[in-house]
Amino acid sequence: MKKAVMISALSAAVLTLFATAANAENAAATAEASPWMLRVRAVHLAPADKSDPIAGAGVADRLGVSEKTIPEVDISYFFTPNISAELVLTYPQKHDVTLDGKRIGSFKHLPPTLLAQYHFLPEAQFNPYVGAGVNYTRISSVNLLGGAGSLENSSTGLALQAGFDYKVDRHWSFNVDVKKVQIRSDVYISGAKASAVKVDPLMIGVGAGYRF
């Protein structure tokens, strides 16, 4: 009987020791988590397609910008478990431009965006967040109306964001992200301003994150 009691006591002590060590390891891992996080997303960009009527044309004449799915790389730095900054990057993207549904040319844009984020549940498996920041878009390779049309070279506007990370393990997570970005440009034909276009895309992304 005494031997059974001793074995039980020893087993309990060993289990307690292992549990304590595991908890200490988990706490250390959390405490030593890197402030850097990298996400890779596939993002569908859906422009708002709003513009002023073309000067001198019919009232119904409106400019449109094509939808596109693009790759996106995002670098985040966590100042605290709840607060981070995210830099959104891609490479120059080409879009077709239409006038009342008819293609009239194309342009490229490079839209880096910097956002401040608040993460509601940083220690939970499901961690939603919101963000707000600024977008700077560089417009290039403009070819409209056989060279007669042009756009402003750049656009600066606001950006809003909401999304969540779903932790798979200590490093990896599944990410869903939605952004609304303000991208606008004046349109010139033969050097004279003819319209103003609001691209203002809704960007819906799905991807993976890695916390270093």
N, C-alpha and C. Protein backbone atom coordinates (compact mmCIF):
# COMPACT_ATOMS: atom_id res chain seq x y z
N MET A 1 0.83 -1.20 0.00
CA MET A 1 0.00 0.00 0.00
C MET A 1 0.87 1.25 0.00
N LYS A 2 1.90 1.21 0.91
CA LYS A 2 2.80 2.36 0.99
C LYS A 2 3.55 2.55 -0.32
N LYS A 3 3.91 1.40 -0.95
CA LYS A 3 4.64 1.48 -2.21
C LYS A 3 3.77 2.12 -3.29
N ALA A 4 2.49 1.77 -3.33
CA ALA A 4 1.56 2.34 -4.31
C ALA A 4 1.40 3.83 -4.09
N VAL A 5 1.33 4.22 -2.80
CA VAL A 5 1.19 5.64 -2.47
C VAL A 5 2.43 6.41 -2.92
N MET A 6 3.61 5.81 -2.68
CA MET A 6 4.86 6.46 -3.07
C MET A 6 4.96 6.61 -4.58
N ILE A 7 4.56 5.56 -5.31
CA ILE A 7 4.60 5.62 -6.76
C ILE A 7 3.65 6.70 -7.29
N SER A 8 2.44 6.76 -6.68
CA SER A 8 1.46 7.77 -7.08
C SER A 8 1.99 9.17 -6.82
N ALA A 9 2.61 9.33 -5.65
CA ALA A 9 3.15 10.64 -5.30
C ALA A 9 4.28 11.04 -6.23
N LEU A 10 5.15 10.07 -6.55
CA LEU A 10 6.26 10.34 -7.45
C LEU A 10 5.76 10.68 -8.85
N SER A 11 4.75 9.94 -9.32
CA SER A 11 4.17 10.20 -10.65
C SER A 11 3.57 11.60 -10.71
N ALA A 12 2.84 11.96 -9.63
CA ALA A 12 2.24 13.28 -9.58
C ALA A 12 3.30 14.37 -9.60
N ALA A 13 4.41 14.12 -8.88
CA ALA A 13 5.49 15.10 -8.84
C ALA A 13 6.13 15.28 -10.21
N VAL A 14 6.34 14.15 -10.92
CA VAL A 14 6.93 14.21 -12.26
C VAL A 14 6.02 14.95 -13.23
N LEU A 15 4.70 14.63 -13.18
CA LEU A 15 3.74 15.30 -14.06
C LEU A 15 3.69 16.80 -13.78
N THR A 16 3.74 17.16 -12.50
CA THR A 16 3.74 18.57 -12.12
C THR A 16 4.98 19.27 -12.66
N LEU A 17 6.14 18.57 -12.56
CA LEU A 17 7.39 19.14 -13.06
C LEU A 17 7.33 19.39 -14.56
N PHE A 18 6.80 18.37 -15.30
CA PHE A 18 6.68 18.54 -16.76
C PHE A 18 5.70 19.66 -17.11
N ALA A 19 4.58 19.74 -16.39
CA ALA A 19 3.58 20.78 -16.67
C ALA A 19 4.16 22.16 -16.41
N THR A 20 4.92 22.29 -15.31
CA THR A 20 5.54 23.57 -14.97
C THR A 20 6.55 23.98 -16.04
N ALA A 21 7.36 23.00 -16.49
CA ALA A 21 8.35 23.29 -17.53
C ALA A 21 7.68 23.70 -18.83
N ALA A 22 6.58 23.00 -19.18
CA ALA A 22 5.87 23.33 -20.42
C ALA A 22 5.27 24.73 -20.36
N ASN A 23 4.68 25.07 -19.20
CA ASN A 23 4.10 26.40 -19.04
C ASN A 23 5.17 27.48 -19.11
N ALA A 24 6.31 27.20 -18.50
CA ALA A 24 7.41 28.16 -18.54
C ALA A 24 7.92 28.35 -19.97
N GLU A 25 7.99 27.24 -20.72
CA GLU A 25 8.45 27.32 -22.11
C GLU A 25 7.47 28.13 -22.95
N ASN A 26 6.16 27.90 -22.76
CA ASN A 26 5.15 28.64 -23.51
C ASN A 26 5.19 30.12 -23.17
N ALA A 27 5.35 30.43 -21.89
CA ALA A 27 5.43 31.83 -21.48
C ALA A 27 6.65 32.50 -22.06
N ALA A 28 7.79 31.77 -22.06
CA ALA A 28 9.02 32.33 -22.64
C ALA A 28 8.86 32.55 -24.12
N ALA A 29 8.21 31.60 -24.81
CA ALA A 29 8.01 31.74 -26.25
C ALA A 29 7.16 32.95 -26.57
N THR A 30 6.10 33.16 -25.74
CA THR A 30 5.24 34.33 -25.95
C THR A 30 6.00 35.62 -25.69
N ALA A 31 6.79 35.61 -24.60
CA ALA A 31 7.53 36.80 -24.23
C ALA A 31 8.60 37.14 -25.25
N GLU A 32 9.17 36.11 -25.89
CA GLU A 32 10.26 36.33 -26.83
C GLU A 32 9.78 36.41 -28.28
N ALA A 33 8.46 36.51 -28.51
CA ALA A 33 7.94 36.60 -29.86
C ALA A 33 8.51 37.83 -30.56
N SER A 34 8.95 37.63 -31.80
CA SER A 34 9.53 38.72 -32.56
C SER A 34 8.47 39.77 -32.87
N PRO A 35 8.84 41.05 -32.93
CA PRO A 35 7.87 42.09 -33.30
C PRO A 35 7.58 42.12 -34.79
N TRP A 36 8.30 41.33 -35.59
CA TRP A 36 8.14 41.36 -37.04
C TRP A 36 7.21 40.27 -37.53
N MET A 37 6.36 40.64 -38.50
CA MET A 37 5.45 39.68 -39.12
C MET A 37 5.40 39.95 -40.62
N LEU A 38 5.42 38.88 -41.39
CA LEU A 38 5.35 38.97 -42.85
C LEU A 38 4.10 38.26 -43.33
N ARG A 39 3.32 38.93 -44.18
CA ARG A 39 2.14 38.31 -44.79
C ARG A 39 2.27 38.33 -46.30
N VAL A 40 1.76 37.30 -46.93
CA VAL A 40 1.65 37.23 -48.38
C VAL A 40 0.19 36.98 -48.72
N ARG A 41 -0.37 37.81 -49.59
CA ARG A 41 -1.80 37.71 -49.91
C ARG A 41 -2.03 37.72 -51.41
N ALA A 42 -3.12 37.09 -51.82
CA ALA A 42 -3.70 37.30 -53.14
C ALA A 42 -4.86 38.27 -52.94
N VAL A 43 -4.83 39.38 -53.65
CA VAL A 43 -5.79 40.46 -53.41
C VAL A 43 -6.58 40.76 -54.68
N HIS A 44 -7.90 40.77 -54.55
CA HIS A 44 -8.74 41.18 -55.68
C HIS A 44 -9.07 42.66 -55.53
N LEU A 45 -8.71 43.41 -56.56
CA LEU A 45 -8.88 44.85 -56.56
C LEU A 45 -10.08 45.21 -57.42
N ALA A 46 -11.11 45.80 -56.80
CA ALA A 46 -12.34 46.17 -57.50
C ALA A 46 -12.52 47.68 -57.44
N PRO A 47 -12.21 48.42 -58.51
CA PRO A 47 -12.33 49.88 -58.51
C PRO A 47 -13.78 50.33 -58.37
N ALA A 48 -13.93 51.55 -57.82
CA ALA A 48 -15.27 52.13 -57.66
C ALA A 48 -15.84 52.58 -58.99
N ASP A 49 -14.98 52.90 -59.97
CA ASP A 49 -15.41 53.34 -61.31
C ASP A 49 -16.34 54.55 -61.23
N LYS A 50 -15.86 55.58 -60.56
CA LYS A 50 -16.61 56.84 -60.52
C LYS A 50 -15.78 57.93 -61.19
N SER A 51 -16.41 58.72 -62.04
CA SER A 51 -15.70 59.80 -62.71
C SER A 51 -16.66 60.90 -63.10
N ASP A 52 -16.10 62.09 -63.30
CA ASP A 52 -16.89 63.19 -63.83
C ASP A 52 -17.14 62.95 -65.32
N PRO A 53 -18.23 63.50 -65.86
CA PRO A 53 -18.45 63.38 -67.31
C PRO A 53 -17.29 63.98 -68.09
N ILE A 54 -16.95 63.38 -69.22
CA ILE A 54 -15.89 63.90 -70.07
C ILE A 54 -16.31 65.26 -70.62
N ALA A 55 -15.45 66.26 -70.46
CA ALA A 55 -15.76 67.61 -70.95
C ALA A 55 -15.99 67.59 -72.46
N GLY A 56 -17.10 68.14 -72.88
CA GLY A 56 -17.40 68.22 -74.30
C GLY A 56 -18.03 66.98 -74.86
N ALA A 57 -18.24 65.95 -74.02
CA ALA A 57 -18.85 64.70 -74.49
C ALA A 57 -20.25 64.58 -73.88
N GLY A 58 -20.89 63.46 -74.14
CA GLY A 58 -22.23 63.24 -73.60
C GLY A 58 -22.19 63.05 -72.10
N VAL A 59 -23.32 63.34 -71.44
CA VAL A 59 -23.40 63.24 -69.99
C VAL A 59 -23.13 61.82 -69.51
N ALA A 60 -23.46 60.84 -70.34
CA ALA A 60 -23.32 59.44 -69.93
C ALA A 60 -21.89 58.93 -70.04
N ASP A 61 -21.01 59.71 -70.69
CA ASP A 61 -19.65 59.23 -70.89
C ASP A 61 -18.90 59.16 -69.56
N ARG A 62 -18.54 57.94 -69.14
CA ARG A 62 -17.85 57.73 -67.88
C ARG A 62 -16.64 56.85 -68.08
N LEU A 63 -15.58 57.15 -67.30
CA LEU A 63 -14.37 56.34 -67.36
C LEU A 63 -14.47 55.19 -66.36
N GLY A 64 -13.87 54.06 -66.72
CA GLY A 64 -13.82 52.91 -65.83
C GLY A 64 -12.43 52.30 -65.83
N VAL A 65 -12.10 51.62 -64.74
CA VAL A 65 -10.79 50.95 -64.59
C VAL A 65 -11.05 49.47 -64.33
N SER A 66 -10.29 48.60 -64.98
CA SER A 66 -10.52 47.16 -64.90
C SER A 66 -10.22 46.60 -63.53
N GLU A 67 -10.98 45.55 -63.14
CA GLU A 67 -10.70 44.80 -61.92
C GLU A 67 -9.48 43.91 -62.15
N LYS A 68 -8.84 43.53 -61.05
CA LYS A 68 -7.64 42.69 -61.19
C LYS A 68 -7.33 42.00 -59.87
N THR A 69 -6.76 40.80 -59.95
CA THR A 69 -6.24 40.09 -58.77
C THR A 69 -4.73 40.19 -58.79
N ILE A 70 -4.17 40.69 -57.70
CA ILE A 70 -2.74 41.00 -57.66
C ILE A 70 -2.07 40.32 -56.46
N PRO A 71 -0.75 40.11 -56.52
CA PRO A 71 -0.02 39.62 -55.35
C PRO A 71 0.32 40.79 -54.43
N GLU A 72 0.39 40.51 -53.14
CA GLU A 72 0.68 41.56 -52.17
C GLU A 72 1.58 41.00 -51.08
N VAL A 73 2.57 41.79 -50.68
CA VAL A 73 3.45 41.43 -49.57
C VAL A 73 3.33 42.53 -48.52
N ASP A 74 3.13 42.12 -47.27
CA ASP A 74 2.89 43.08 -46.19
C ASP A 74 3.88 42.82 -45.05
N ILE A 75 4.53 43.88 -44.60
CA ILE A 75 5.49 43.79 -43.51
C ILE A 75 4.93 44.54 -42.32
N SER A 76 4.79 43.85 -41.17
CA SER A 76 4.23 44.47 -39.96
C SER A 76 5.27 44.49 -38.85
N TYR A 77 5.22 45.56 -38.06
CA TYR A 77 6.05 45.66 -36.86
C TYR A 77 5.13 45.93 -35.67
N PHE A 78 5.21 45.10 -34.63
CA PHE A 78 4.37 45.22 -33.45
C PHE A 78 5.08 46.03 -32.37
N PHE A 79 4.54 47.21 -32.06
CA PHE A 79 5.07 48.03 -30.99
C PHE A 79 4.64 47.47 -29.63
N THR A 80 3.42 46.96 -29.58
CA THR A 80 2.89 46.26 -28.42
C THR A 80 2.10 45.07 -28.97
N PRO A 81 1.62 44.13 -28.11
CA PRO A 81 0.81 43.03 -28.64
C PRO A 81 -0.44 43.51 -29.41
N ASN A 82 -0.94 44.70 -29.06
CA ASN A 82 -2.17 45.20 -29.68
C ASN A 82 -1.94 46.16 -30.84
N ILE A 83 -0.82 46.87 -30.84
CA ILE A 83 -0.61 47.96 -31.80
C ILE A 83 0.55 47.64 -32.73
N SER A 84 0.30 47.78 -34.03
CA SER A 84 1.34 47.51 -35.02
C SER A 84 1.23 48.51 -36.18
N ALA A 85 2.27 48.52 -37.00
CA ALA A 85 2.27 49.28 -38.25
C ALA A 85 2.49 48.29 -39.39
N GLU A 86 1.78 48.48 -40.50
CA GLU A 86 1.90 47.57 -41.64
C GLU A 86 2.20 48.35 -42.90
N LEU A 87 3.21 47.90 -43.63
CA LEU A 87 3.55 48.46 -44.93
C LEU A 87 3.11 47.48 -46.01
N VAL A 88 2.23 47.93 -46.91
CA VAL A 88 1.66 47.10 -47.97
C VAL A 88 2.41 47.36 -49.27
N LEU A 89 2.93 46.29 -49.88
CA LEU A 89 3.76 46.44 -51.08
C LEU A 89 3.29 45.49 -52.19
N THR A 90 3.51 45.90 -53.43
CA THR A 90 3.34 45.04 -54.60
C THR A 90 4.25 45.60 -55.69
N TYR A 91 4.10 45.13 -56.92
CA TYR A 91 4.86 45.71 -58.03
C TYR A 91 3.88 46.47 -58.94
N PRO A 92 4.35 47.32 -59.87
CA PRO A 92 3.43 48.11 -60.71
C PRO A 92 2.41 47.22 -61.42
N GLN A 93 1.14 47.61 -61.28
CA GLN A 93 0.04 46.83 -61.84
C GLN A 93 -0.57 47.56 -63.04
N LYS A 94 -0.84 46.82 -64.12
CA LYS A 94 -1.42 47.41 -65.32
C LYS A 94 -2.93 47.24 -65.32
N HIS A 95 -3.64 48.32 -65.64
CA HIS A 95 -5.10 48.30 -65.72
C HIS A 95 -5.56 48.87 -67.05
N ASP A 96 -6.61 48.27 -67.58
CA ASP A 96 -7.26 48.83 -68.76
C ASP A 96 -8.20 49.95 -68.33
N VAL A 97 -8.36 50.94 -69.21
CA VAL A 97 -9.28 52.05 -68.98
C VAL A 97 -10.36 51.99 -70.04
N THR A 98 -11.61 52.15 -69.62
CA THR A 98 -12.72 52.10 -70.57
C THR A 98 -13.51 53.41 -70.52
N LEU A 99 -14.16 53.71 -71.61
CA LEU A 99 -15.08 54.84 -71.70
C LEU A 99 -16.42 54.29 -72.15
N ASP A 100 -17.39 54.32 -71.23
CA ASP A 100 -18.69 53.71 -71.48
C ASP A 100 -18.56 52.26 -71.95
N GLY A 101 -17.63 51.54 -71.30
CA GLY A 101 -17.46 50.13 -71.58
C GLY A 101 -16.51 49.80 -72.71
N LYS A 102 -16.02 50.79 -73.43
CA LYS A 102 -15.11 50.55 -74.55
C LYS A 102 -13.68 50.90 -74.14
N ARG A 103 -12.75 49.99 -74.40
CA ARG A 103 -11.36 50.21 -73.99
C ARG A 103 -10.75 51.38 -74.75
N ILE A 104 -10.12 52.30 -74.01
CA ILE A 104 -9.47 53.46 -74.65
C ILE A 104 -7.98 53.53 -74.30
N GLY A 105 -7.48 52.53 -73.54
CA GLY A 105 -6.07 52.54 -73.22
C GLY A 105 -5.77 51.85 -71.90
N SER A 106 -4.62 52.18 -71.32
CA SER A 106 -4.20 51.53 -70.08
C SER A 106 -3.23 52.42 -69.32
N PHE A 107 -2.95 52.03 -68.08
CA PHE A 107 -1.92 52.68 -67.26
C PHE A 107 -1.42 51.69 -66.23
N LYS A 108 -0.30 52.02 -65.59
CA LYS A 108 0.23 51.22 -64.50
C LYS A 108 0.22 52.05 -63.23
N HIS A 109 0.02 51.37 -62.08
CA HIS A 109 0.09 52.08 -60.82
C HIS A 109 0.82 51.23 -59.78
N LEU A 110 1.56 51.92 -58.90
CA LEU A 110 2.29 51.28 -57.80
C LEU A 110 1.75 51.91 -56.51
N PRO A 111 0.99 51.15 -55.70
CA PRO A 111 0.26 51.76 -54.58
C PRO A 111 0.72 51.38 -53.17
N PRO A 112 1.96 51.68 -52.75
CA PRO A 112 2.35 51.35 -51.38
C PRO A 112 1.46 52.07 -50.37
N THR A 113 1.13 51.35 -49.28
CA THR A 113 0.22 51.88 -48.27
C THR A 113 0.79 51.60 -46.89
N LEU A 114 0.73 52.60 -46.01
CA LEU A 114 1.22 52.45 -44.63
C LEU A 114 0.02 52.60 -43.69
N LEU A 115 -0.17 51.61 -42.82
CA LEU A 115 -1.33 51.57 -41.93
C LEU A 115 -0.92 51.37 -40.48
N ALA A 116 -1.64 52.01 -39.59
CA ALA A 116 -1.55 51.72 -38.14
C ALA A 116 -2.69 50.78 -37.80
N GLN A 117 -2.40 49.70 -37.05
CA GLN A 117 -3.39 48.68 -36.77
C GLN A 117 -3.60 48.48 -35.27
N TYR A 118 -4.84 48.11 -34.94
CA TYR A 118 -5.14 47.69 -33.56
C TYR A 118 -5.65 46.26 -33.60
N HIS A 119 -4.99 45.36 -32.86
CA HIS A 119 -5.35 43.94 -32.79
C HIS A 119 -6.10 43.70 -31.48
N PHE A 120 -7.34 43.20 -31.59
CA PHE A 120 -8.21 43.10 -30.43
C PHE A 120 -7.84 41.96 -29.49
N LEU A 121 -7.43 40.81 -30.03
CA LEU A 121 -7.19 39.62 -29.21
C LEU A 121 -5.83 39.00 -29.57
N PRO A 122 -4.74 39.67 -29.24
CA PRO A 122 -3.42 39.21 -29.70
C PRO A 122 -3.00 37.84 -29.18
N GLU A 123 -3.55 37.40 -28.04
CA GLU A 123 -3.17 36.10 -27.49
C GLU A 123 -4.11 34.98 -27.93
N ALA A 124 -5.22 35.32 -28.60
CA ALA A 124 -6.21 34.32 -28.99
C ALA A 124 -5.89 33.73 -30.35
N GLN A 125 -6.49 32.59 -30.64
CA GLN A 125 -6.29 31.96 -31.95
C GLN A 125 -6.92 32.79 -33.05
N PHE A 126 -8.11 33.35 -32.78
CA PHE A 126 -8.78 34.24 -33.73
C PHE A 126 -8.55 35.67 -33.28
N ASN A 127 -7.84 36.44 -34.09
CA ASN A 127 -7.40 37.77 -33.69
C ASN A 127 -7.83 38.81 -34.74
N PRO A 128 -8.99 39.45 -34.55
CA PRO A 128 -9.42 40.48 -35.50
C PRO A 128 -8.66 41.79 -35.31
N TYR A 129 -8.61 42.61 -36.35
CA TYR A 129 -7.92 43.89 -36.26
C TYR A 129 -8.58 44.91 -37.19
N VAL A 130 -8.32 46.18 -36.91
CA VAL A 130 -8.71 47.27 -37.79
C VAL A 130 -7.49 48.14 -38.02
N GLY A 131 -7.51 48.89 -39.11
CA GLY A 131 -6.38 49.74 -39.42
C GLY A 131 -6.79 50.97 -40.20
N ALA A 132 -5.94 52.00 -40.15
CA ALA A 132 -6.15 53.23 -40.91
C ALA A 132 -4.80 53.81 -41.25
N GLY A 133 -4.70 54.45 -42.42
CA GLY A 133 -3.43 55.00 -42.80
C GLY A 133 -3.50 55.81 -44.07
N VAL A 134 -2.38 55.83 -44.79
CA VAL A 134 -2.27 56.66 -45.98
C VAL A 134 -1.73 55.84 -47.14
N ASN A 135 -2.22 56.15 -48.32
CA ASN A 135 -1.78 55.49 -49.55
C ASN A 135 -1.11 56.51 -50.47
N TYR A 136 0.01 56.10 -51.05
CA TYR A 136 0.64 56.91 -52.10
C TYR A 136 0.72 56.05 -53.36
N THR A 137 0.11 56.51 -54.43
CA THR A 137 0.10 55.74 -55.67
C THR A 137 0.87 56.48 -56.75
N ARG A 138 1.82 55.79 -57.34
CA ARG A 138 2.59 56.32 -58.46
C ARG A 138 2.00 55.80 -59.75
N ILE A 139 1.59 56.68 -60.64
CA ILE A 139 0.96 56.31 -61.91
C ILE A 139 1.97 56.48 -63.04
N SER A 140 2.08 55.45 -63.87
CA SER A 140 3.07 55.49 -64.95
C SER A 140 2.53 54.75 -66.18
N SER A 141 3.32 54.78 -67.26
CA SER A 141 3.00 54.06 -68.51
C SER A 141 1.57 54.32 -68.97
N VAL A 142 1.18 55.60 -68.93
CA VAL A 142 -0.18 55.97 -69.32
C VAL A 142 -0.28 56.02 -70.85
N ASN A 143 -1.26 55.31 -71.39
CA ASN A 143 -1.50 55.32 -72.84
C ASN A 143 -3.01 55.35 -73.07
N LEU A 144 -3.55 56.55 -73.22
CA LEU A 144 -4.99 56.73 -73.40
C LEU A 144 -5.27 57.44 -74.73
N LEU A 145 -6.28 56.98 -75.41
CA LEU A 145 -6.73 57.62 -76.66
C LEU A 145 -5.58 57.80 -77.64
N GLY A 146 -4.77 56.74 -77.77
CA GLY A 146 -3.67 56.79 -78.72
C GLY A 146 -2.60 57.81 -78.40
N GLY A 147 -2.47 58.16 -77.13
CA GLY A 147 -1.46 59.13 -76.70
C GLY A 147 -2.02 60.52 -76.44
N ALA A 148 -3.26 60.77 -76.81
CA ALA A 148 -3.87 62.08 -76.61
C ALA A 148 -4.29 62.30 -75.15
N GLY A 149 -4.52 61.21 -74.42
CA GLY A 149 -4.97 61.31 -73.03
C GLY A 149 -3.87 61.02 -72.04
N SER A 150 -3.96 61.61 -70.85
CA SER A 150 -2.96 61.39 -69.80
C SER A 150 -3.61 61.50 -68.43
N LEU A 151 -2.87 61.05 -67.41
CA LEU A 151 -3.32 61.11 -66.03
C LEU A 151 -2.27 61.82 -65.18
N GLU A 152 -2.68 62.28 -64.00
CA GLU A 152 -1.70 62.81 -63.06
C GLU A 152 -0.69 61.72 -62.71
N ASN A 153 0.52 62.13 -62.34
CA ASN A 153 1.58 61.17 -62.06
C ASN A 153 1.43 60.45 -60.72
N SER A 154 0.68 61.05 -59.79
CA SER A 154 0.60 60.43 -58.47
C SER A 154 -0.71 60.79 -57.78
N SER A 155 -1.01 60.02 -56.72
CA SER A 155 -2.21 60.24 -55.93
C SER A 155 -1.89 59.91 -54.48
N THR A 156 -2.37 60.73 -53.57
CA THR A 156 -2.23 60.47 -52.14
C THR A 156 -3.62 60.49 -51.51
N GLY A 157 -3.92 59.48 -50.70
CA GLY A 157 -5.26 59.41 -50.11
C GLY A 157 -5.28 58.55 -48.86
N LEU A 158 -6.44 58.43 -48.26
CA LEU A 158 -6.62 57.66 -47.04
C LEU A 158 -6.82 56.17 -47.35
N ALA A 159 -6.60 55.35 -46.35
CA ALA A 159 -6.83 53.91 -46.46
C ALA A 159 -7.42 53.40 -45.16
N LEU A 160 -8.46 52.56 -45.27
CA LEU A 160 -9.08 51.92 -44.12
C LEU A 160 -8.99 50.41 -44.28
N GLN A 161 -8.96 49.69 -43.17
CA GLN A 161 -8.69 48.25 -43.22
C GLN A 161 -9.40 47.52 -42.08
N ALA A 162 -9.81 46.29 -42.35
CA ALA A 162 -10.32 45.39 -41.33
C ALA A 162 -9.98 43.97 -41.75
N GLY A 163 -9.70 43.12 -40.77
CA GLY A 163 -9.34 41.74 -41.12
C GLY A 163 -9.14 40.90 -39.87
N PHE A 164 -8.61 39.70 -40.08
CA PHE A 164 -8.30 38.84 -38.93
C PHE A 164 -7.17 37.88 -39.29
N ASP A 165 -6.44 37.48 -38.24
CA ASP A 165 -5.46 36.40 -38.33
C ASP A 165 -5.99 35.22 -37.54
N TYR A 166 -5.88 34.02 -38.10
CA TYR A 166 -6.25 32.79 -37.41
C TYR A 166 -4.98 31.97 -37.24
N LYS A 167 -4.52 31.86 -35.99
CA LYS A 167 -3.24 31.22 -35.72
C LYS A 167 -3.31 29.71 -35.97
N VAL A 168 -2.35 29.22 -36.75
CA VAL A 168 -2.20 27.78 -36.99
C VAL A 168 -1.22 27.19 -35.98
N ASP A 169 -0.15 27.92 -35.75
CA ASP A 169 0.80 27.55 -34.70
C ASP A 169 1.50 28.84 -34.25
N ARG A 170 2.62 28.69 -33.55
CA ARG A 170 3.30 29.86 -32.98
C ARG A 170 3.75 30.84 -34.05
N HIS A 171 4.11 30.34 -35.23
CA HIS A 171 4.62 31.21 -36.28
C HIS A 171 3.60 31.52 -37.38
N TRP A 172 2.84 30.53 -37.80
CA TRP A 172 2.00 30.66 -38.99
C TRP A 172 0.56 31.02 -38.64
N SER A 173 -0.07 31.78 -39.55
CA SER A 173 -1.47 32.14 -39.39
C SER A 173 -2.12 32.28 -40.76
N PHE A 174 -3.43 32.07 -40.78
CA PHE A 174 -4.26 32.30 -41.97
C PHE A 174 -4.84 33.70 -41.86
N ASN A 175 -4.83 34.46 -42.97
CA ASN A 175 -5.23 35.86 -42.91
C ASN A 175 -6.31 36.19 -43.95
N VAL A 176 -7.29 36.96 -43.51
CA VAL A 176 -8.29 37.56 -44.41
C VAL A 176 -8.27 39.06 -44.15
N ASP A 177 -8.24 39.86 -45.23
CA ASP A 177 -8.04 41.29 -45.08
C ASP A 177 -8.88 42.05 -46.11
N VAL A 178 -9.50 43.14 -45.67
CA VAL A 178 -10.28 44.00 -46.57
C VAL A 178 -9.81 45.44 -46.39
N LYS A 179 -9.50 46.10 -47.50
CA LYS A 179 -9.07 47.50 -47.46
C LYS A 179 -9.90 48.33 -48.44
N LYS A 180 -10.13 49.58 -48.08
CA LYS A 180 -10.70 50.57 -48.97
C LYS A 180 -9.67 51.68 -49.10
N VAL A 181 -9.20 51.91 -50.35
CA VAL A 181 -8.08 52.82 -50.58
C VAL A 181 -8.52 53.96 -51.50
N GLN A 182 -8.12 55.16 -51.16
CA GLN A 182 -8.48 56.35 -51.93
C GLN A 182 -7.41 56.62 -52.98
N ILE A 183 -7.75 56.37 -54.25
CA ILE A 183 -6.84 56.63 -55.38
C ILE A 183 -7.62 57.45 -56.40
N ARG A 184 -7.14 58.67 -56.69
CA ARG A 184 -7.85 59.57 -57.59
C ARG A 184 -6.88 60.28 -58.52
N SER A 185 -7.38 60.67 -59.68
CA SER A 185 -6.52 61.34 -60.65
C SER A 185 -7.34 62.20 -61.60
N ASP A 186 -6.77 63.34 -61.97
CA ASP A 186 -7.37 64.14 -63.04
C ASP A 186 -6.99 63.54 -64.39
N VAL A 187 -7.90 63.68 -65.35
CA VAL A 187 -7.70 63.14 -66.69
C VAL A 187 -7.54 64.31 -67.65
N TYR A 188 -6.50 64.25 -68.48
CA TYR A 188 -6.23 65.31 -69.44
C TYR A 188 -6.32 64.76 -70.86
N ILE A 189 -6.89 65.56 -71.74
CA ILE A 189 -6.94 65.23 -73.16
C ILE A 189 -6.34 66.40 -73.92
N SER A 190 -5.28 66.12 -74.68
CA SER A 190 -4.54 67.16 -75.42
C SER A 190 -4.11 68.30 -74.50
N GLY A 191 -3.71 67.94 -73.26
CA GLY A 191 -3.18 68.92 -72.31
C GLY A 191 -4.21 69.64 -71.48
N ALA A 192 -5.49 69.50 -71.78
CA ALA A 192 -6.54 70.19 -71.02
C ALA A 192 -7.27 69.20 -70.13
N LYS A 193 -7.60 69.63 -68.91
CA LYS A 193 -8.33 68.74 -68.00
C LYS A 193 -9.71 68.43 -68.56
N ALA A 194 -10.01 67.13 -68.68
CA ALA A 194 -11.28 66.71 -69.27
C ALA A 194 -12.19 66.01 -68.26
N SER A 195 -11.60 65.44 -67.18
CA SER A 195 -12.41 64.70 -66.21
C SER A 195 -11.57 64.44 -64.97
N ALA A 196 -12.20 63.86 -63.96
CA ALA A 196 -11.52 63.39 -62.75
C ALA A 196 -12.06 62.02 -62.43
N VAL A 197 -11.17 61.06 -62.23
CA VAL A 197 -11.59 59.69 -61.99
C VAL A 197 -11.28 59.28 -60.55
N LYS A 198 -12.22 58.58 -59.92
CA LYS A 198 -12.05 58.03 -58.58
C LYS A 198 -11.91 56.52 -58.72
N VAL A 199 -10.69 56.03 -58.63
CA VAL A 199 -10.48 54.58 -58.69
C VAL A 199 -10.96 53.95 -57.38
N ASP A 200 -10.56 54.52 -56.24
CA ASP A 200 -11.02 54.14 -54.89
C ASP A 200 -11.34 52.65 -54.77
N PRO A 201 -10.35 51.76 -54.95
CA PRO A 201 -10.66 50.32 -55.00
C PRO A 201 -11.01 49.72 -53.64
N LEU A 202 -11.87 48.72 -53.68
CA LEU A 202 -12.09 47.81 -52.55
C LEU A 202 -11.16 46.63 -52.79
N MET A 203 -10.31 46.32 -51.80
CA MET A 203 -9.29 45.28 -51.96
C MET A 203 -9.56 44.16 -50.96
N ILE A 204 -9.89 43.00 -51.46
CA ILE A 204 -10.20 41.84 -50.62
C ILE A 204 -9.09 40.81 -50.77
N GLY A 205 -8.41 40.50 -49.66
CA GLY A 205 -7.25 39.63 -49.73
C GLY A 205 -7.34 38.41 -48.83
N VAL A 206 -6.72 37.33 -49.28
CA VAL A 206 -6.61 36.10 -48.52
C VAL A 206 -5.16 35.63 -48.61
N GLY A 207 -4.58 35.23 -47.47
CA GLY A 207 -3.20 34.80 -47.52
C GLY A 207 -2.72 34.17 -46.24
N ALA A 208 -1.41 34.17 -46.07
CA ALA A 208 -0.78 33.55 -44.90
C ALA A 208 0.18 34.54 -44.26
N GLY A 209 0.32 34.43 -42.93
CA GLY A 209 1.24 35.27 -42.20
C GLY A 209 2.28 34.43 -41.47
N TYR A 210 3.47 35.01 -41.28
CA TYR A 210 4.54 34.33 -40.55
C TYR A 210 5.11 35.30 -39.52
N ARG A 211 4.99 34.96 -38.25
CA ARG A 211 5.54 35.78 -37.15
C ARG A 211 6.92 35.24 -36.80
N PHE A 212 7.92 36.05 -36.94
CA PHE A 212 9.30 35.60 -36.73
C PHE A 212 9.61 35.40 -35.25
